[in-house]
Amino acid sequence: MSKAGFIEIQDKEKYLKDNYPFTDVPQLSAKKRCIHCDKVIKVGDYKVYRDNHGMEFIVCPNSPECDGTIIDWM
């Protein structure tokens, strides 16, 4: 079992392109509003969280205070 926590991503553009769950991957400079914390964020400031099972999630830059993930960005 892997240790849960945030992981550092060296190439954020490639990681986003490879792991974005929808079509039309946004630019890293794009601004979105996270519906969980109601803050405007820059896409490129995203964080990646790995859970105890090794699953990785693209999460709000305001995490861990905000529990929003990429599907919560409008």
PDB file of N, CA and C in Angstrom:
ATOM      1  N   MET A   1       0.839  -1.181   0.000  1.00  0.00           N
ATOM      2  CA  MET A   1       0.000   0.000   0.000  1.00  0.00           C
ATOM      3  C   MET A   1       0.886   1.247   0.000  1.00  0.00           C
ATOM      4  N   SER A   2       0.533   2.226  -0.821  1.00  0.00           N
ATOM      5  CA  SER A   2       1.332   3.445  -0.878  1.00  0.00           C
ATOM      6  C   SER A   2       0.864   4.449   0.178  1.00  0.00           C
ATOM      7  N   LYS A   3       1.740   5.356   0.481  1.00  0.00           N
ATOM      8  CA  LYS A   3       1.426   6.395   1.462  1.00  0.00           C
ATOM      9  C   LYS A   3       0.600   7.496   0.799  1.00  0.00           C
ATOM     10  N   ALA A   4      -0.486   7.881   1.440  1.00  0.00           N
ATOM     11  CA  ALA A   4      -1.353   8.929   0.893  1.00  0.00           C
ATOM     12  C   ALA A   4      -0.696  10.289   1.065  1.00  0.00           C
ATOM     13  N   GLY A   5      -0.992  11.170   0.113  1.00  0.00           N
ATOM     14  CA  GLY A   5      -0.505  12.543   0.226  1.00  0.00           C
ATOM     15  C   GLY A   5      -0.374  13.192  -1.135  1.00  0.00           C
ATOM     16  N   PHE A   6       0.035  14.434  -1.113  1.00  0.00           N
ATOM     17  CA  PHE A   6       0.226  15.183  -2.349  1.00  0.00           C
ATOM     18  C   PHE A   6       1.529  14.756  -2.998  1.00  0.00           C
ATOM     19  N   ILE A   7       1.520  14.707  -4.328  1.00  0.00           N
ATOM     20  CA  ILE A   7       2.732  14.349  -5.051  1.00  0.00           C
ATOM     21  C   ILE A   7       3.122  15.501  -5.967  1.00  0.00           C
ATOM     22  N   GLU A   8       4.412  15.643  -6.173  1.00  0.00           N
ATOM     23  CA  GLU A   8       4.925  16.705  -7.036  1.00  0.00           C
ATOM     24  C   GLU A   8       4.897  16.230  -8.484  1.00  0.00           C
ATOM     25  N   ILE A   9       4.406  17.086  -9.348  1.00  0.00           N
ATOM     26  CA  ILE A   9       4.344  16.786 -10.779  1.00  0.00           C
ATOM     27  C   ILE A   9       5.363  17.668 -11.484  1.00  0.00           C
ATOM     28  N   GLN A  10       6.305  17.059 -12.166  1.00  0.00           N
ATOM     29  CA  GLN A  10       7.352  17.816 -12.855  1.00  0.00           C
ATOM     30  C   GLN A  10       6.824  18.517 -14.107  1.00  0.00           C
ATOM     31  N   ASP A  11       6.056  17.805 -14.921  1.00  0.00           N
ATOM     32  CA  ASP A  11       5.533  18.370 -16.170  1.00  0.00           C
ATOM     33  C   ASP A  11       4.010  18.459 -16.048  1.00  0.00           C
ATOM     34  N   LYS A  12       3.533  19.576 -15.503  1.00  0.00           N
ATOM     35  CA  LYS A  12       2.105  19.724 -15.235  1.00  0.00           C
ATOM     36  C   LYS A  12       1.263  19.716 -16.512  1.00  0.00           C
ATOM     37  N   GLU A  13       1.797  20.251 -17.590  1.00  0.00           N
ATOM     38  CA  GLU A  13       1.049  20.264 -18.847  1.00  0.00           C
ATOM     39  C   GLU A  13       0.835  18.834 -19.360  1.00  0.00           C
ATOM     40  N   LYS A  14       1.874  18.038 -19.369  1.00  0.00           N
ATOM     41  CA  LYS A  14       1.763  16.651 -19.832  1.00  0.00           C
ATOM     42  C   LYS A  14       0.839  15.850 -18.914  1.00  0.00           C
ATOM     43  N   TYR A  15       1.001  16.011 -17.594  1.00  0.00           N
ATOM     44  CA  TYR A  15       0.161  15.272 -16.649  1.00  0.00           C
ATOM     45  C   TYR A  15      -1.313  15.610 -16.870  1.00  0.00           C
ATOM     46  N   LEU A  16      -1.600  16.897 -17.033  1.00  0.00           N
ATOM     47  CA  LEU A  16      -2.991  17.310 -17.252  1.00  0.00           C
ATOM     48  C   LEU A  16      -3.525  16.719 -18.554  1.00  0.00           C
ATOM     49  N   LYS A  17      -2.734  16.797 -19.609  1.00  0.00           N
ATOM     50  CA  LYS A  17      -3.155  16.254 -20.910  1.00  0.00           C
ATOM     51  C   LYS A  17      -3.415  14.751 -20.816  1.00  0.00           C
ATOM     52  N   ASP A  18      -2.569  14.032 -20.099  1.00  0.00           N
ATOM     53  CA  ASP A  18      -2.684  12.576 -19.977  1.00  0.00           C
ATOM     54  C   ASP A  18      -3.804  12.137 -19.032  1.00  0.00           C
ATOM     55  N   ASN A  19      -4.210  12.999 -18.107  1.00  0.00           N
ATOM     56  CA  ASN A  19      -5.153  12.584 -17.068  1.00  0.00           C
ATOM     57  C   ASN A  19      -6.450  13.383 -17.016  1.00  0.00           C
ATOM     58  N   TYR A  20      -6.624  14.345 -17.898  1.00  0.00           N
ATOM     59  CA  TYR A  20      -7.845  15.148 -17.897  1.00  0.00           C
ATOM     60  C   TYR A  20      -9.013  14.256 -18.321  1.00  0.00           C
ATOM     61  N   PRO A  21     -10.076  14.211 -17.520  1.00  0.00           N
ATOM     62  CA  PRO A  21     -11.157  13.252 -17.790  1.00  0.00           C
ATOM     63  C   PRO A  21     -12.159  13.676 -18.867  1.00  0.00           C
ATOM     64  N   PHE A  22     -12.008  14.865 -19.414  1.00  0.00           N
ATOM     65  CA  PHE A  22     -12.957  15.367 -20.406  1.00  0.00           C
ATOM     66  C   PHE A  22     -12.221  15.740 -21.682  1.00  0.00           C
ATOM     67  N   THR A  23     -12.964  16.089 -22.724  1.00  0.00           N
ATOM     68  CA  THR A  23     -12.334  16.590 -23.943  1.00  0.00           C
ATOM     69  C   THR A  23     -11.967  18.055 -23.725  1.00  0.00           C
ATOM     70  N   ASP A  24     -11.240  18.631 -24.648  1.00  0.00           N
ATOM     71  CA  ASP A  24     -10.836  20.041 -24.572  1.00  0.00           C
ATOM     72  C   ASP A  24     -10.070  20.357 -23.288  1.00  0.00           C
ATOM     73  N   VAL A  25      -8.886  19.828 -23.183  1.00  0.00           N
ATOM     74  CA  VAL A  25      -8.022  20.072 -22.031  1.00  0.00           C
ATOM     75  C   VAL A  25      -7.725  21.571 -21.950  1.00  0.00           C
ATOM     76  N   PRO A  26      -7.957  22.184 -20.794  1.00  0.00           N
ATOM     77  CA  PRO A  26      -7.706  23.620 -20.676  1.00  0.00           C
ATOM     78  C   PRO A  26      -6.212  23.937 -20.637  1.00  0.00           C
ATOM     79  N   GLN A  27      -5.872  25.152 -21.003  1.00  0.00           N
ATOM     80  CA  GLN A  27      -4.501  25.631 -20.883  1.00  0.00           C
ATOM     81  C   GLN A  27      -4.161  25.795 -19.407  1.00  0.00           C
ATOM     82  N   LEU A  28      -2.894  25.664 -19.077  1.00  0.00           N
ATOM     83  CA  LEU A  28      -2.486  25.843 -17.680  1.00  0.00           C
ATOM     84  C   LEU A  28      -2.768  27.265 -17.193  1.00  0.00           C
ATOM     85  N   SER A  29      -2.811  28.215 -18.112  1.00  0.00           N
ATOM     86  CA  SER A  29      -3.058  29.613 -17.744  1.00  0.00           C
ATOM     87  C   SER A  29      -4.551  29.939 -17.612  1.00  0.00           C
ATOM     88  N   ALA A  30      -5.417  28.989 -17.964  1.00  0.00           N
ATOM     89  CA  ALA A  30      -6.872  29.229 -17.907  1.00  0.00           C
ATOM     90  C   ALA A  30      -7.328  29.443 -16.468  1.00  0.00           C
ATOM     91  N   LYS A  31      -8.356  30.261 -16.331  1.00  0.00           N
ATOM     92  CA  LYS A  31      -8.959  30.519 -15.014  1.00  0.00           C
ATOM     93  C   LYS A  31     -10.272  29.754 -14.932  1.00  0.00           C
ATOM     94  N   LYS A  32     -10.504  29.123 -13.796  1.00  0.00           N
ATOM     95  CA  LYS A  32     -11.746  28.383 -13.532  1.00  0.00           C
ATOM     96  C   LYS A  32     -12.225  28.746 -12.134  1.00  0.00           C
ATOM     97  N   ARG A  33     -13.496  28.517 -11.879  1.00  0.00           N
ATOM     98  CA  ARG A  33     -14.022  28.709 -10.532  1.00  0.00           C
ATOM     99  C   ARG A  33     -14.288  27.334  -9.932  1.00  0.00           C
ATOM    100  N   CYS A  34     -13.731  27.101  -8.758  1.00  0.00           N
ATOM    101  CA  CYS A  34     -13.979  25.854  -8.034  1.00  0.00           C
ATOM    102  C   CYS A  34     -15.296  26.027  -7.282  1.00  0.00           C
ATOM    103  N   ILE A  35     -16.249  25.143  -7.543  1.00  0.00           N
ATOM    104  CA  ILE A  35     -17.560  25.290  -6.900  1.00  0.00           C
ATOM    105  C   ILE A  35     -17.540  24.868  -5.432  1.00  0.00           C
ATOM    106  N   HIS A  36     -16.459  24.236  -4.982  1.00  0.00           N
ATOM    107  CA  HIS A  36     -16.376  23.843  -3.569  1.00  0.00           C
ATOM    108  C   HIS A  36     -15.916  24.996  -2.682  1.00  0.00           C
ATOM    109  N   CYS A  37     -14.867  25.711  -3.112  1.00  0.00           N
ATOM    110  CA  CYS A  37     -14.371  26.825  -2.293  1.00  0.00           C
ATOM    111  C   CYS A  37     -14.819  28.177  -2.834  1.00  0.00           C
ATOM    112  N   ASP A  38     -15.466  28.162  -4.026  1.00  0.00           N
ATOM    113  CA  ASP A  38     -15.975  29.375  -4.667  1.00  0.00           C
ATOM    114  C   ASP A  38     -14.868  30.395  -4.936  1.00  0.00           C
ATOM    115  N   LYS A  39     -13.678  29.891  -5.282  1.00  0.00           N
ATOM    116  CA  LYS A  39     -12.571  30.777  -5.613  1.00  0.00           C
ATOM    117  C   LYS A  39     -12.169  30.553  -7.071  1.00  0.00           C
ATOM    118  N   VAL A  40     -11.693  31.640  -7.699  1.00  0.00           N
ATOM    119  CA  VAL A  40     -11.158  31.537  -9.053  1.00  0.00           C
ATOM    120  C   VAL A  40      -9.726  31.032  -8.917  1.00  0.00           C
ATOM    121  N   ILE A  41      -9.426  29.994  -9.685  1.00  0.00           N
ATOM    122  CA  ILE A  41      -8.102  29.369  -9.635  1.00  0.00           C
ATOM    123  C   ILE A  41      -7.478  29.365 -11.024  1.00  0.00           C
ATOM    124  N   LYS A  42      -6.171  29.276 -11.069  1.00  0.00           N
ATOM    125  CA  LYS A  42      -5.466  29.079 -12.331  1.00  0.00           C
ATOM    126  C   LYS A  42      -5.265  27.575 -12.474  1.00  0.00           C
ATOM    127  N   VAL A  43      -5.667  27.021 -13.598  1.00  0.00           N
ATOM    128  CA  VAL A  43      -5.598  25.571 -13.818  1.00  0.00           C
ATOM    129  C   VAL A  43      -4.210  25.019 -13.507  1.00  0.00           C
ATOM    130  N   GLY A  44      -3.166  25.710 -13.926  1.00  0.00           N
ATOM    131  CA  GLY A  44      -1.803  25.232 -13.736  1.00  0.00           C
ATOM    132  C   GLY A  44      -1.350  25.152 -12.285  1.00  0.00           C
ATOM    133  N   ASP A  45      -2.150  25.701 -11.374  1.00  0.00           N
ATOM    134  CA  ASP A  45      -1.818  25.634  -9.954  1.00  0.00           C
ATOM    135  C   ASP A  45      -2.391  24.381  -9.290  1.00  0.00           C
ATOM    136  N   TYR A  46      -3.003  23.503 -10.097  1.00  0.00           N
ATOM    137  CA  TYR A  46      -3.611  22.293  -9.529  1.00  0.00           C
ATOM    138  C   TYR A  46      -2.598  21.481  -8.728  1.00  0.00           C
ATOM    139  N   LYS A  47      -3.121  20.655  -7.833  1.00  0.00           N
ATOM    140  CA  LYS A  47      -2.312  19.721  -7.067  1.00  0.00           C
ATOM    141  C   LYS A  47      -2.764  18.308  -7.424  1.00  0.00           C
ATOM    142  N   VAL A  48      -1.924  17.339  -7.131  1.00  0.00           N
ATOM    143  CA  VAL A  48      -2.283  15.938  -7.337  1.00  0.00           C
ATOM    144  C   VAL A  48      -2.175  15.227  -5.987  1.00  0.00           C
ATOM    145  N   TYR A  49      -3.252  14.541  -5.638  1.00  0.00           N
ATOM    146  CA  TYR A  49      -3.314  13.791  -4.385  1.00  0.00           C
ATOM    147  C   TYR A  49      -3.359  12.304  -4.708  1.00  0.00           C
ATOM    148  N   ARG A  50      -2.510  11.534  -4.036  1.00  0.00           N
ATOM    149  CA  ARG A  50      -2.518  10.072  -4.197  1.00  0.00           C
ATOM    150  C   ARG A  50      -3.075   9.471  -2.912  1.00  0.00           C
ATOM    151  N   ASP A  51      -4.120   8.625  -3.067  1.00  0.00           N
ATOM    152  CA  ASP A  51      -4.721   8.006  -1.879  1.00  0.00           C
ATOM    153  C   ASP A  51      -3.955   6.742  -1.479  1.00  0.00           C
ATOM    154  N   ASN A  52      -4.418   6.109  -0.421  1.00  0.00           N
ATOM    155  CA  ASN A  52      -3.742   4.917   0.106  1.00  0.00           C
ATOM    156  C   ASN A  52      -3.749   3.733  -0.855  1.00  0.00           C
ATOM    157  N   HIS A  53      -4.584   3.775  -1.873  1.00  0.00           N
ATOM    158  CA  HIS A  53      -4.668   2.688  -2.854  1.00  0.00           C
ATOM    159  C   HIS A  53      -3.873   2.993  -4.121  1.00  0.00           C
ATOM    160  N   GLY A  54      -3.201   4.157  -4.145  1.00  0.00           N
ATOM    161  CA  GLY A  54      -2.402   4.538  -5.300  1.00  0.00           C
ATOM    162  C   GLY A  54      -3.165   5.305  -6.364  1.00  0.00           C
ATOM    163  N   MET A  55      -4.444   5.567  -6.135  1.00  0.00           N
ATOM    164  CA  MET A  55      -5.237   6.351  -7.084  1.00  0.00           C
ATOM    165  C   MET A  55      -4.822   7.819  -6.991  1.00  0.00           C
ATOM    166  N   GLU A  56      -4.706   8.467  -8.136  1.00  0.00           N
ATOM    167  CA  GLU A  56      -4.319   9.875  -8.167  1.00  0.00           C
ATOM    168  C   GLU A  56      -5.493  10.735  -8.593  1.00  0.00           C
ATOM    169  N   PHE A  57      -5.614  11.886  -7.942  1.00  0.00           N
ATOM    170  CA  PHE A  57      -6.719  12.815  -8.202  1.00  0.00           C
ATOM    171  C   PHE A  57      -6.162  14.214  -8.416  1.00  0.00           C
ATOM    172  N   ILE A  58      -6.629  14.870  -9.469  1.00  0.00           N
ATOM    173  CA  ILE A  58      -6.287  16.272  -9.694  1.00  0.00           C
ATOM    174  C   ILE A  58      -7.244  17.084  -8.828  1.00  0.00           C
ATOM    175  N   VAL A  59      -6.666  17.872  -7.918  1.00  0.00           N
ATOM    176  CA  VAL A  59      -7.479  18.574  -6.935  1.00  0.00           C
ATOM    177  C   VAL A  59      -7.239  20.083  -6.979  1.00  0.00           C
ATOM    178  N   CYS A  60      -8.132  20.783  -6.331  1.00  0.00           N
ATOM    179  CA  CYS A  60      -8.085  22.236  -6.244  1.00  0.00           C
ATOM    180  C   CYS A  60      -6.750  22.692  -5.649  1.00  0.00           C
ATOM    181  N   PRO A  61      -6.188  23.783  -6.175  1.00  0.00           N
ATOM    182  CA  PRO A  61      -4.961  24.326  -5.589  1.00  0.00           C
ATOM    183  C   PRO A  61      -5.137  24.734  -4.132  1.00  0.00           C
ATOM    184  N   ASN A  62      -6.369  24.932  -3.694  1.00  0.00           N
ATOM    185  CA  ASN A  62      -6.633  25.330  -2.312  1.00  0.00           C
ATOM    186  C   ASN A  62      -6.773  24.132  -1.378  1.00  0.00           C
ATOM    187  N   SER A  63      -6.507  22.951  -1.893  1.00  0.00           N
ATOM    188  CA  SER A  63      -6.534  21.740  -1.085  1.00  0.00           C
ATOM    189  C   SER A  63      -5.350  21.768  -0.130  1.00  0.00           C
ATOM    190  N   PRO A  64      -5.449  21.290   1.060  1.00  0.00           N
ATOM    191  CA  PRO A  64      -6.488  20.441   1.608  1.00  0.00           C
ATOM    192  C   PRO A  64      -7.674  21.193   2.224  1.00  0.00           C
ATOM    193  N   GLU A  65      -7.598  22.531   2.299  1.00  0.00           N
ATOM    194  CA  GLU A  65      -8.727  23.278   2.855  1.00  0.00           C
ATOM    195  C   GLU A  65      -9.988  23.085   2.012  1.00  0.00           C
ATOM    196  N   CYS A  66      -9.799  22.970   0.702  1.00  0.00           N
ATOM    197  CA  CYS A  66     -10.907  22.740  -0.231  1.00  0.00           C
ATOM    198  C   CYS A  66     -10.856  21.289  -0.689  1.00  0.00           C
ATOM    199  N   ASP A  67     -12.016  20.638  -0.742  1.00  0.00           N
ATOM    200  CA  ASP A  67     -12.042  19.233  -1.184  1.00  0.00           C
ATOM    201  C   ASP A  67     -12.513  19.084  -2.633  1.00  0.00           C
ATOM    202  N   GLY A  68     -12.419  20.164  -3.405  1.00  0.00           N
ATOM    203  CA  GLY A  68     -12.819  20.110  -4.818  1.00  0.00           C
ATOM    204  C   GLY A  68     -11.805  19.386  -5.671  1.00  0.00           C
ATOM    205  N   THR A  69     -12.320  18.708  -6.708  1.00  0.00           N
ATOM    206  CA  THR A  69     -11.463  18.054  -7.682  1.00  0.00           C
ATOM    207  C   THR A  69     -11.717  18.700  -9.038  1.00  0.00           C
ATOM    208  N   ILE A  70     -11.018  18.231 -10.044  1.00  0.00           N
ATOM    209  CA  ILE A  70     -11.093  18.822 -11.370  1.00  0.00           C
ATOM    210  C   ILE A  70     -12.525  18.845 -11.931  1.00  0.00           C
ATOM    211  N   ILE A  71     -13.379  17.931 -11.507  1.00  0.00           N
ATOM    212  CA  ILE A  71     -14.748  17.936 -12.018  1.00  0.00           C
ATOM    213  C   ILE A  71     -15.589  19.062 -11.413  1.00  0.00           C
ATOM    214  N   ASP A  72     -15.048  19.736 -10.407  1.00  0.00           N
ATOM    215  CA  ASP A  72     -15.749  20.829  -9.742  1.00  0.00           C
ATOM    216  C   ASP A  72     -15.331  22.200 -10.250  1.00  0.00           C
ATOM    217  N   TRP A  73     -14.552  22.239 -11.321  1.00  0.00           N
ATOM    218  CA  TRP A  73     -14.069  23.524 -11.848  1.00  0.00           C
ATOM    219  C   TRP A  73     -14.917  23.935 -13.036  1.00  0.00           C
ATOM    220  N   MET A  74     -15.454  25.136 -12.975  1.00  0.00           N
ATOM    221  CA  MET A  74     -16.309  25.648 -14.050  1.00  0.00           C
ATOM    222  C   MET A  74     -15.694  26.891 -14.653  1.00  0.00           C
TER     223      MET A  74
END
